[in-house]
Amino acid sequence: MWVPDYKSKPGRIYVAIADAMADDVTTGKLRPGDRLPTHRELAWRLQLSVSTVSKAYALAARRHLIEGEVGRGTFISSRASDISRLEPNRAQSNLIDLTFNCPVQLPAQEQAMASALRAIADGPRLPLLLPYHRDWVGMPEHREAAARWLSARGTTTFADDVVIVNGGQQGVSVILSALIEPGETIAAEELTDPGIKFLAANRHLTLRGLPIDAEGLIPEAFEAACRSGPLRALICCPNHQSPTLAVMPVERRKAIADIAVRHDVLVIEDDVYGGFLEHALPSIASFAPEQSYYVTSLSKIVCPGLRIGYIATPPGRAKDLIPGLGATTWMASSLSAEIAYRWIEDGTAEKLAHLQRDELRKRQLLAAQSLAGQSFRSLPSGLHLWLDLPETWRAESFVAQIRTQGVAVTPAEAFVVGHGPSRHAIRVSLGGATTSRAELQKGLDILAGLLRGRPAASYVVL
């Protein structure tokens, strides 16, 4: 029987129980499909009233952590691990965090931001940035700068076909809200970012995982999915795919584009990681411009607090996304968009991207030295590693045991679409969740030491 460790948590008891449940989902102590005790059973075990436990379960259900089946009981939801990873983990605050794929905060970002804010405050354009802009898709000069940024990264587009959004995640959300109806089926790589899984579930879409290999999505698998039943859209990450780090070859991009056109399937190209590559490759959208929505962001590679992203739509289709904008934030922050516009125009954006890649190269070298002899995949300036565990380990046991040594990593299961088995691998983030290279080095040393060891007796499943 699951028993929550809630007594050390502040606040009302029922909230503390729900918080403890979220923590146990994050650590793997509770997994999707696990059956929970009945309200009465847990109340008896905790010596609490049934109403208190009922409130805790009701709160957990509102957080999408649990779901009930009449006649069978209450179970951890298939969405639970995705939801829990989208919020700060209270149990992780004292750990070396190698789970969160965020860029490194650099002094140059702070200097550039301070300079931009002063220039805007002292300049003539400030009054233009304060009111609503009722075309919603962005101010013309901001869209023109975005088109130049996108074109330099493999997607030739025009200002009229660009939509300004609050980061890549909102960009995908806007597209799904505007163009995909609840109940429709969309596809993604069989290992995909938890944020994509969350968006699909939140929109009540059926998400189908498609097979991948070392070069990303397999075109034949996409073709088979298109033939097997109605498929409305494909969400695909061809550059620095998370978690596998696959970079799709150009010929495969052409093949995916051709299949999408022949079967009339929308392509939502998620390229928030593309900036970590030294040299841009042509996007899938460049081979199927009438069929594709290309999404990227400055958040990962330039400055996360800016919260500005761009969507390149098919020609003449930008205003089709207004319903999606209206369902979220109506318009992106004009102030943030102005800073992005200035940084693109004066070269600051590219300079900050270069500095970010340079810092990550140094962190990748630290990881390569610490993990020598282990099986992992990396990119020269990538934001994370994808590490296969030795045969002695299972991912859930490894993640649980390394937490006891003060380090958090993400198991492969977090990225699995559907209920299929996951490989015994972990994603190791090297970015800004560790505030210094010294802290990162400490975490990597602990990781390397545990990889060379064997599971403790308490973590062996018989």
Protein backbone atom coordinates (compact mmCIF):
# COMPACT_ATOMS: atom_id res chain seq x y z
CA MET A 1 0.00 0.00 0.00
CA TRP A 2 1.27 3.46 -0.90
CA VAL A 3 1.81 5.63 2.18
CA PRO A 4 2.66 9.29 1.54
CA ASP A 5 5.48 11.03 3.42
CA TYR A 6 3.53 14.21 4.00
CA LYS A 7 4.21 15.25 7.61
CA SER A 8 7.22 17.44 6.83
CA LYS A 9 5.27 19.45 4.25
CA PRO A 10 3.73 22.80 5.18
CA GLY A 11 0.10 23.75 4.79
CA ARG A 12 -3.12 21.80 5.00
CA ILE A 13 -2.87 18.05 5.32
CA TYR A 14 -4.83 17.21 2.17
CA VAL A 15 -2.59 19.50 0.11
CA ALA A 16 0.51 17.93 1.67
CA ILE A 17 -0.74 14.44 0.71
CA ALA A 18 -1.31 15.52 -2.90
CA ASP A 19 2.14 17.16 -2.95
CA ALA A 20 3.71 13.96 -1.60
CA MET A 21 1.98 12.01 -4.36
CA ALA A 22 3.46 14.35 -7.00
CA ASP A 23 6.92 13.91 -5.47
CA ASP A 24 6.59 10.13 -5.55
CA VAL A 25 5.55 10.25 -9.21
CA THR A 26 8.59 12.36 -10.05
CA THR A 27 10.99 10.04 -8.23
CA GLY A 28 9.45 6.92 -9.76
CA LYS A 29 8.10 5.55 -6.49
CA LEU A 30 4.67 5.82 -8.10
CA ARG A 31 4.34 5.03 -11.81
CA PRO A 32 1.48 5.37 -14.32
CA GLY A 33 -0.99 2.56 -13.80
CA ASP A 34 -0.13 1.96 -10.14
CA ARG A 35 -3.22 1.35 -8.06
CA LEU A 36 -3.72 3.54 -5.00
CA PRO A 37 -5.42 2.53 -1.75
CA THR A 38 -9.06 3.40 -1.34
CA HIS A 39 -9.95 6.56 0.55
CA ARG A 40 -10.96 4.49 3.56
CA GLU A 41 -7.82 2.30 3.49
CA LEU A 42 -5.45 5.28 3.34
CA ALA A 43 -7.40 7.15 6.01
CA TRP A 44 -7.10 4.14 8.34
CA ARG A 45 -3.35 3.78 7.64
CA LEU A 46 -2.69 7.51 8.23
CA GLN A 47 -5.15 7.82 11.12
CA LEU A 48 -6.94 10.65 9.33
CA SER A 49 -10.57 11.28 8.45
CA VAL A 50 -11.91 9.88 5.20
CA SER A 51 -12.94 13.39 4.16
CA THR A 52 -9.32 14.61 4.40
CA VAL A 53 -8.09 11.79 2.17
CA SER A 54 -10.98 12.40 -0.22
CA LYS A 55 -9.95 16.06 -0.51
CA ALA A 56 -6.37 14.98 -1.24
CA TYR A 57 -7.50 12.60 -3.99
CA ALA A 58 -9.79 15.24 -5.45
CA LEU A 59 -6.89 17.72 -5.58
CA ALA A 60 -4.63 15.08 -7.18
CA ALA A 61 -7.33 14.45 -9.81
CA ARG A 62 -7.53 18.17 -10.60
CA ARG A 63 -3.77 18.12 -11.08
CA HIS A 64 -4.21 15.16 -13.49
CA LEU A 65 -2.11 12.92 -11.25
CA ILE A 66 -4.79 10.24 -10.80
CA GLU A 67 -7.83 8.87 -12.55
CA GLY A 68 -10.58 6.57 -11.32
CA GLU A 69 -12.26 3.59 -12.95
CA VAL A 70 -15.69 2.57 -11.68
CA GLY A 71 -15.47 -0.82 -10.04
CA ARG A 72 -11.67 -1.01 -10.26
CA GLY A 73 -10.31 1.81 -8.14
CA THR A 74 -7.98 4.80 -8.38
CA PHE A 75 -4.79 4.71 -10.45
CA ILE A 76 -1.85 6.95 -11.22
CA SER A 77 -2.68 8.67 -14.51
CA SER A 78 -0.67 8.11 -17.68
CA ARG A 79 -0.28 11.91 -17.71
CA ALA A 80 1.05 12.12 -14.17
CA SER A 81 4.78 11.96 -14.90
CA ASP A 82 4.41 14.58 -17.65
CA ILE A 83 2.50 16.97 -15.39
CA SER A 84 4.84 16.53 -12.42
CA ARG A 85 7.88 17.41 -14.51
CA LEU A 86 6.34 20.68 -15.64
CA GLU A 87 6.31 22.14 -12.12
CA PRO A 88 9.18 22.80 -9.72
CA ASN A 89 9.84 19.66 -7.73
CA ARG A 90 9.93 20.45 -4.05
CA ALA A 91 11.86 17.25 -3.33
CA GLN A 92 14.52 18.24 -5.85
CA SER A 93 15.50 21.61 -4.39
CA ASN A 94 18.55 20.24 -2.60
CA LEU A 95 19.75 18.05 -5.47
CA ILE A 96 22.22 18.67 -8.26
CA ASP A 97 19.69 19.01 -11.04
CA LEU A 98 20.64 17.24 -14.27
CA THR A 99 17.00 16.98 -15.39
CA PHE A 100 16.04 20.46 -16.57
CA ASN A 101 17.02 21.36 -20.14
CA CYS A 102 17.54 25.08 -19.70
CA PRO A 103 20.40 27.18 -21.08
CA VAL A 104 23.19 28.54 -18.91
CA GLN A 105 22.62 32.04 -17.57
CA LEU A 106 25.59 34.13 -18.67
CA PRO A 107 26.72 37.63 -17.62
CA ALA A 108 26.43 38.74 -21.24
CA GLN A 109 22.67 38.08 -21.14
CA GLU A 110 22.22 40.32 -18.13
CA GLN A 111 24.35 43.07 -19.68
CA ALA A 112 22.47 42.88 -22.99
CA MET A 113 19.09 42.95 -21.25
CA ALA A 114 20.02 45.95 -19.09
CA SER A 115 21.27 47.83 -22.15
CA ALA A 116 18.14 47.06 -24.17
CA LEU A 117 15.77 48.10 -21.40
CA ARG A 118 17.60 51.41 -20.95
CA ALA A 119 17.53 52.09 -24.69
CA ILE A 120 13.80 51.37 -24.91
CA ALA A 121 13.02 53.49 -21.85
CA ASP A 122 14.99 56.44 -23.25
CA GLY A 123 13.90 56.03 -26.86
CA PRO A 124 10.87 57.16 -28.88
CA ARG A 125 9.30 53.71 -29.42
CA LEU A 126 8.13 52.99 -25.88
CA PRO A 127 4.56 54.34 -26.43
CA LEU A 128 4.21 51.95 -29.40
CA LEU A 129 4.88 48.93 -27.19
CA LEU A 130 2.28 49.52 -24.49
CA PRO A 131 -1.17 49.12 -26.14
CA TYR A 132 -2.86 46.04 -27.58
CA HIS A 133 -1.98 45.32 -31.20
CA ARG A 134 -5.13 43.96 -32.68
CA ASP A 135 -3.60 42.09 -35.57
CA TRP A 136 -2.38 39.85 -32.71
CA VAL A 137 0.27 38.12 -34.85
CA GLY A 138 2.92 40.75 -34.09
CA MET A 139 4.12 44.20 -35.12
CA PRO A 140 5.39 44.40 -38.73
CA GLU A 141 8.99 45.30 -37.85
CA HIS A 142 9.14 42.48 -35.30
CA ARG A 143 7.90 40.00 -37.89
CA GLU A 144 10.42 41.25 -40.45
CA ALA A 145 13.30 40.68 -38.01
CA ALA A 146 11.89 37.23 -37.19
CA ALA A 147 11.79 36.32 -40.87
CA ARG A 148 15.47 37.20 -41.20
CA TRP A 149 16.33 35.12 -38.12
CA LEU A 150 14.37 32.13 -39.45
CA SER A 151 15.79 32.38 -42.95
CA ALA A 152 19.32 32.24 -41.54
CA ARG A 153 18.37 28.97 -39.84
CA GLY A 154 17.10 26.99 -42.79
CA THR A 155 13.51 28.25 -43.20
CA THR A 156 13.05 30.93 -45.84
CA THR A 157 9.90 32.85 -45.05
CA PHE A 158 8.38 36.33 -45.27
CA ALA A 159 7.22 38.72 -42.57
CA ASP A 160 3.55 38.33 -43.49
CA ASP A 161 3.79 34.60 -42.80
CA VAL A 162 5.36 34.94 -39.33
CA VAL A 163 3.47 34.85 -36.02
CA ILE A 164 5.14 36.11 -32.84
CA VAL A 165 4.46 33.93 -29.77
CA ASN A 166 5.59 33.60 -26.16
CA GLY A 167 8.12 30.82 -26.76
CA GLY A 168 8.08 27.53 -28.62
CA GLN A 169 5.72 25.70 -26.27
CA GLN A 170 3.05 28.34 -26.75
CA GLY A 171 3.72 28.23 -30.48
CA VAL A 172 2.83 24.53 -30.66
CA SER A 173 -0.16 25.13 -28.38
CA VAL A 174 -1.45 27.90 -30.67
CA ILE A 175 -1.24 25.64 -33.72
CA LEU A 176 -3.00 22.74 -32.00
CA SER A 177 -5.73 25.02 -30.63
CA ALA A 178 -6.36 26.70 -33.97
CA LEU A 179 -6.10 23.81 -36.41
CA ILE A 180 -6.60 20.45 -34.65
CA GLU A 181 -9.94 19.33 -33.28
CA PRO A 182 -10.24 17.39 -30.00
CA GLY A 183 -10.30 13.67 -30.67
CA GLU A 184 -8.16 13.84 -33.81
CA THR A 185 -4.95 11.82 -34.07
CA ILE A 186 -1.52 13.35 -34.31
CA ALA A 187 1.85 11.61 -34.44
CA ALA A 188 5.24 12.26 -32.88
CA GLU A 189 8.52 10.44 -32.42
CA GLU A 190 8.07 7.47 -30.06
CA LEU A 191 10.40 9.29 -27.66
CA THR A 192 9.38 12.91 -27.45
CA ASP A 193 9.52 15.86 -25.11
CA PRO A 194 7.08 15.60 -22.16
CA GLY A 195 5.77 19.06 -23.02
CA ILE A 196 4.43 17.74 -26.33
CA LYS A 197 2.73 14.86 -24.54
CA PHE A 198 1.17 17.34 -22.12
CA LEU A 199 -0.13 19.58 -24.91
CA ALA A 200 -1.71 16.65 -26.75
CA ALA A 201 -3.41 15.36 -23.60
CA ASN A 202 -4.59 18.84 -22.66
CA ARG A 203 -6.23 19.23 -26.08
CA HIS A 204 -7.75 15.72 -25.85
CA LEU A 205 -5.83 14.54 -28.90
CA THR A 206 -4.75 10.98 -29.61
CA LEU A 207 -0.95 10.95 -29.74
CA ARG A 208 0.64 8.12 -31.70
CA GLY A 209 4.33 7.36 -31.28
CA LEU A 210 6.28 6.53 -34.44
CA PRO A 211 9.51 4.48 -34.57
CA ILE A 212 12.83 6.31 -34.70
CA ASP A 213 16.46 5.38 -35.22
CA ALA A 214 19.79 7.17 -34.77
CA GLU A 215 18.81 9.65 -37.51
CA GLY A 216 15.38 10.48 -36.14
CA LEU A 217 11.90 9.68 -37.42
CA ILE A 218 11.85 6.77 -39.89
CA PRO A 219 10.06 7.84 -43.10
CA GLU A 220 8.62 4.36 -43.74
CA ALA A 221 7.04 4.40 -40.27
CA PHE A 222 5.47 7.77 -41.02
CA GLU A 223 4.17 6.46 -44.35
CA ALA A 224 2.67 3.41 -42.64
CA ALA A 225 0.95 5.60 -40.04
CA CYS A 226 -0.54 7.76 -42.77
CA ARG A 227 -1.93 4.66 -44.51
CA SER A 228 -3.26 3.00 -41.37
CA GLY A 229 -5.87 5.58 -40.46
CA PRO A 230 -6.76 9.26 -40.26
CA LEU A 231 -3.68 11.26 -39.21
CA ARG A 232 -4.15 15.01 -38.87
CA ALA A 233 -0.63 16.17 -38.07
CA LEU A 234 2.93 15.19 -37.29
CA ILE A 235 4.97 16.92 -34.59
CA CYS A 236 8.62 16.37 -35.38
CA CYS A 237 11.94 17.60 -33.95
CA PRO A 238 14.62 17.10 -36.66
CA ASN A 239 17.46 18.98 -34.90
CA HIS A 240 18.99 18.02 -31.52
CA GLN A 241 15.96 15.83 -30.84
CA SER A 242 15.09 15.51 -27.16
CA PRO A 243 15.99 13.08 -25.73
CA THR A 244 17.90 11.12 -28.42
CA LEU A 245 19.92 14.04 -29.91
CA ALA A 246 19.19 12.76 -33.43
CA VAL A 247 19.91 15.18 -36.27
CA MET A 248 17.86 14.22 -39.32
CA PRO A 249 19.78 14.05 -42.64
CA VAL A 250 18.61 16.28 -45.47
CA GLU A 251 17.37 13.39 -47.62
CA ARG A 252 15.22 12.13 -44.78
CA ARG A 253 13.75 15.61 -44.31
CA LYS A 254 12.79 15.61 -47.98
CA ALA A 255 11.19 12.18 -47.62
CA ILE A 256 9.12 13.25 -44.58
CA ALA A 257 7.98 16.37 -46.44
CA ASP A 258 6.99 14.33 -49.52
CA ILE A 259 4.94 11.88 -47.44
CA ALA A 260 3.15 14.71 -45.62
CA VAL A 261 2.19 16.37 -48.91
CA ARG A 262 0.96 13.13 -50.50
CA HIS A 263 -1.20 12.24 -47.51
CA ASP A 264 -2.27 15.80 -46.65
CA VAL A 265 -0.83 15.66 -43.11
CA LEU A 266 0.22 18.89 -41.42
CA VAL A 267 3.82 19.04 -40.23
CA ILE A 268 4.49 20.94 -37.00
CA GLU A 269 8.26 21.26 -36.95
CA ASP A 270 9.55 21.87 -33.44
CA ASP A 271 13.01 23.45 -33.78
CA VAL A 272 13.61 25.05 -30.40
CA TYR A 273 16.94 23.18 -30.16
CA GLY A 274 18.15 23.99 -33.67
CA GLY A 275 20.26 26.92 -32.49
CA PHE A 276 22.63 24.54 -30.69
CA LEU A 277 23.90 23.21 -34.02
CA GLU A 278 26.89 25.02 -35.46
CA HIS A 279 25.52 24.91 -39.01
CA ALA A 280 21.85 25.18 -39.97
CA LEU A 281 20.27 22.46 -42.09
CA PRO A 282 17.25 23.09 -44.33
CA SER A 283 14.04 22.56 -42.42
CA ILE A 284 11.34 20.06 -43.32
CA ALA A 285 9.17 23.13 -43.88
CA SER A 286 11.52 24.31 -46.64
CA PHE A 287 10.60 21.18 -48.64
CA ALA A 288 6.84 21.38 -47.93
CA PRO A 289 6.07 25.07 -47.29
CA GLU A 290 2.34 24.71 -48.02
CA GLN A 291 2.01 21.87 -45.51
CA SER A 292 4.24 22.96 -42.63
CA TYR A 293 4.25 25.12 -39.53
CA TYR A 294 7.80 25.73 -38.32
CA VAL A 295 8.22 26.69 -34.63
CA THR A 296 11.32 27.98 -32.91
CA SER A 297 12.23 30.17 -29.98
CA LEU A 298 14.94 32.41 -28.57
CA SER A 299 14.37 30.94 -25.10
CA LYS A 300 16.77 27.99 -25.30
CA ILE A 301 19.64 29.57 -27.21
CA VAL A 302 19.51 33.35 -26.55
CA CYS A 303 17.73 34.16 -23.25
CA PRO A 304 14.95 32.17 -21.55
CA GLY A 305 13.41 35.16 -19.77
CA LEU A 306 12.73 36.83 -23.09
CA ARG A 307 9.92 34.30 -23.82
CA ILE A 308 9.76 35.04 -27.52
CA GLY A 309 9.21 32.47 -30.25
CA TYR A 310 8.31 32.48 -33.92
CA ILE A 311 5.99 30.44 -36.13
CA ALA A 312 6.61 30.35 -39.87
CA THR A 313 3.25 29.47 -41.40
CA PRO A 314 2.36 28.33 -44.93
CA PRO A 315 2.06 31.30 -47.31
CA GLY A 316 -0.95 33.44 -46.45
CA ARG A 317 -1.94 31.35 -43.42
CA ALA A 318 -0.71 33.44 -40.48
CA LYS A 319 -4.14 34.76 -39.56
CA ASP A 320 -5.47 31.18 -39.39
CA LEU A 321 -3.71 31.00 -36.03
CA ILE A 322 -5.60 33.92 -34.48
CA PRO A 323 -8.15 31.57 -32.82
CA GLY A 324 -5.24 29.78 -31.16
CA LEU A 325 -3.77 33.07 -30.01
CA GLY A 326 -7.15 34.10 -28.68
CA ALA A 327 -7.38 30.84 -26.71
CA THR A 328 -4.07 31.56 -24.97
CA THR A 329 -2.59 35.07 -24.60
CA TRP A 330 -3.96 37.00 -27.61
CA MET A 331 -0.56 38.52 -28.37
CA ALA A 332 3.04 38.10 -27.31
CA SER A 333 4.59 40.79 -25.14
CA SER A 334 5.46 43.71 -27.41
CA LEU A 335 8.23 44.72 -25.02
CA SER A 336 9.91 41.30 -25.26
CA ALA A 337 9.37 41.22 -29.01
CA GLU A 338 11.01 44.66 -29.25
CA ILE A 339 14.10 43.44 -27.40
CA ALA A 340 14.31 40.40 -29.68
CA TYR A 341 13.94 42.66 -32.72
CA ARG A 342 16.77 44.93 -31.52
CA TRP A 343 19.03 41.98 -30.73
CA ILE A 344 18.48 40.40 -34.14
CA GLU A 345 19.09 43.71 -35.90
CA ASP A 346 22.31 44.62 -34.07
CA GLY A 347 23.79 41.10 -33.88
CA THR A 348 23.33 40.65 -30.12
CA ALA A 349 21.11 37.59 -30.58
CA GLU A 350 23.73 35.77 -32.62
CA LYS A 351 26.46 36.81 -30.18
CA LEU A 352 24.51 35.40 -27.22
CA ALA A 353 23.81 32.19 -29.14
CA HIS A 354 27.53 31.84 -29.87
CA LEU A 355 28.40 32.34 -26.19
CA GLN A 356 25.81 29.74 -25.17
CA ARG A 357 27.22 27.18 -27.60
CA ASP A 358 30.74 27.93 -26.37
CA GLU A 359 29.77 27.36 -22.72
CA LEU A 360 28.01 24.10 -23.60
CA ARG A 361 31.06 22.88 -25.53
CA LYS A 362 33.07 23.26 -22.34
CA ARG A 363 30.42 21.41 -20.34
CA GLN A 364 30.29 18.64 -22.93
CA LEU A 365 34.05 18.18 -22.56
CA LEU A 366 33.65 17.84 -18.79
CA ALA A 367 31.00 15.19 -19.36
CA ALA A 368 33.09 13.30 -21.92
CA GLN A 369 36.02 13.13 -19.50
CA SER A 370 33.90 12.09 -16.52
CA LEU A 371 31.91 9.46 -18.44
CA ALA A 372 34.73 7.97 -20.51
CA GLY A 373 34.00 4.32 -21.20
CA GLN A 374 30.22 4.71 -20.88
CA SER A 375 27.77 4.44 -23.79
CA PHE A 376 26.23 7.82 -24.46
CA ARG A 377 25.28 10.11 -27.31
CA SER A 378 26.18 13.79 -27.43
CA LEU A 379 26.54 16.78 -29.73
CA PRO A 380 29.53 19.17 -29.58
CA SER A 381 27.45 22.02 -28.16
CA GLY A 382 24.36 20.04 -27.16
CA LEU A 383 22.26 20.81 -24.13
CA HIS A 384 22.20 17.25 -22.79
CA LEU A 385 23.51 13.68 -23.08
CA TRP A 386 21.54 10.53 -23.86
CA LEU A 387 23.13 7.74 -21.84
CA ASP A 388 22.46 3.99 -22.07
CA LEU A 389 22.76 2.33 -18.68
CA PRO A 390 24.96 -0.73 -18.11
CA GLU A 391 23.13 -4.06 -18.13
CA THR A 392 23.26 -4.24 -14.34
CA TRP A 393 20.92 -1.28 -14.07
CA ARG A 394 17.27 -0.54 -14.78
CA ALA A 395 16.38 3.10 -15.33
CA GLU A 396 13.91 3.44 -12.45
CA SER A 397 16.36 1.85 -10.00
CA PHE A 398 19.23 4.03 -11.19
CA VAL A 399 17.19 7.24 -10.96
CA ALA A 400 16.00 6.35 -7.46
CA GLN A 401 19.45 5.38 -6.18
CA ILE A 402 21.30 8.40 -7.58
CA ARG A 403 18.78 10.67 -5.88
CA THR A 404 19.96 9.28 -2.55
CA GLN A 405 23.42 10.57 -3.52
CA GLY A 406 22.12 14.06 -4.26
CA VAL A 407 21.70 14.02 -8.06
CA ALA A 408 18.57 14.06 -10.24
CA VAL A 409 18.44 12.70 -13.81
CA THR A 410 15.53 11.91 -16.16
CA PRO A 411 14.64 8.30 -17.09
CA ALA A 412 13.76 7.33 -20.65
CA GLU A 413 10.22 6.52 -19.54
CA ALA A 414 9.46 10.25 -19.21
CA PHE A 415 9.71 10.57 -23.00
CA VAL A 416 7.79 7.47 -24.10
CA VAL A 417 4.62 8.08 -26.11
CA GLY A 418 1.92 5.61 -25.08
CA HIS A 419 2.33 2.58 -22.86
CA GLY A 420 5.11 0.73 -24.65
CA PRO A 421 8.31 -0.40 -22.95
CA SER A 422 11.14 2.09 -22.58
CA ARG A 423 14.85 1.49 -22.96
CA HIS A 424 17.05 1.65 -19.89
CA ALA A 425 18.57 5.03 -20.56
CA ILE A 426 18.65 8.47 -18.96
CA ARG A 427 18.83 12.05 -20.18
CA VAL A 428 21.55 14.07 -18.47
CA SER A 429 21.09 17.82 -18.82
CA LEU A 430 24.26 19.92 -18.80
CA GLY A 431 22.70 23.39 -18.88
CA GLY A 432 21.79 26.11 -16.46
CA ALA A 433 19.97 24.06 -13.83
CA THR A 434 23.51 23.55 -12.50
CA THR A 435 24.65 27.10 -11.86
CA SER A 436 28.39 26.46 -12.27
CA ARG A 437 30.76 24.06 -13.97
CA ALA A 438 32.00 23.06 -10.52
CA GLU A 439 28.50 21.95 -9.49
CA LEU A 440 28.06 20.14 -12.81
CA GLN A 441 31.42 18.39 -12.34
CA LYS A 442 30.37 17.20 -8.89
CA GLY A 443 27.13 15.78 -10.31
CA LEU A 444 28.96 14.09 -13.19
CA ASP A 445 31.47 12.52 -10.79
CA ILE A 446 28.64 11.06 -8.71
CA LEU A 447 26.94 9.83 -11.88
CA ALA A 448 30.14 8.20 -13.15
CA GLY A 449 30.77 6.53 -9.81
CA LEU A 450 27.32 4.99 -9.66
CA LEU A 451 27.54 3.78 -13.27
CA ARG A 452 30.67 1.85 -12.34
CA GLY A 453 28.90 0.26 -9.37
CA ARG A 454 25.95 -2.07 -8.99
CA PRO A 455 22.43 -1.53 -7.66
CA ALA A 456 22.12 -1.60 -3.90
CA ALA A 457 20.14 -4.57 -2.60
CA SER A 458 17.12 -2.37 -1.88
CA TYR A 459 16.95 -1.37 -5.58
CA VAL A 460 17.11 -4.89 -7.07
CA VAL A 461 13.76 -6.21 -8.31
CA LEU A 462 13.32 -9.99 -7.79
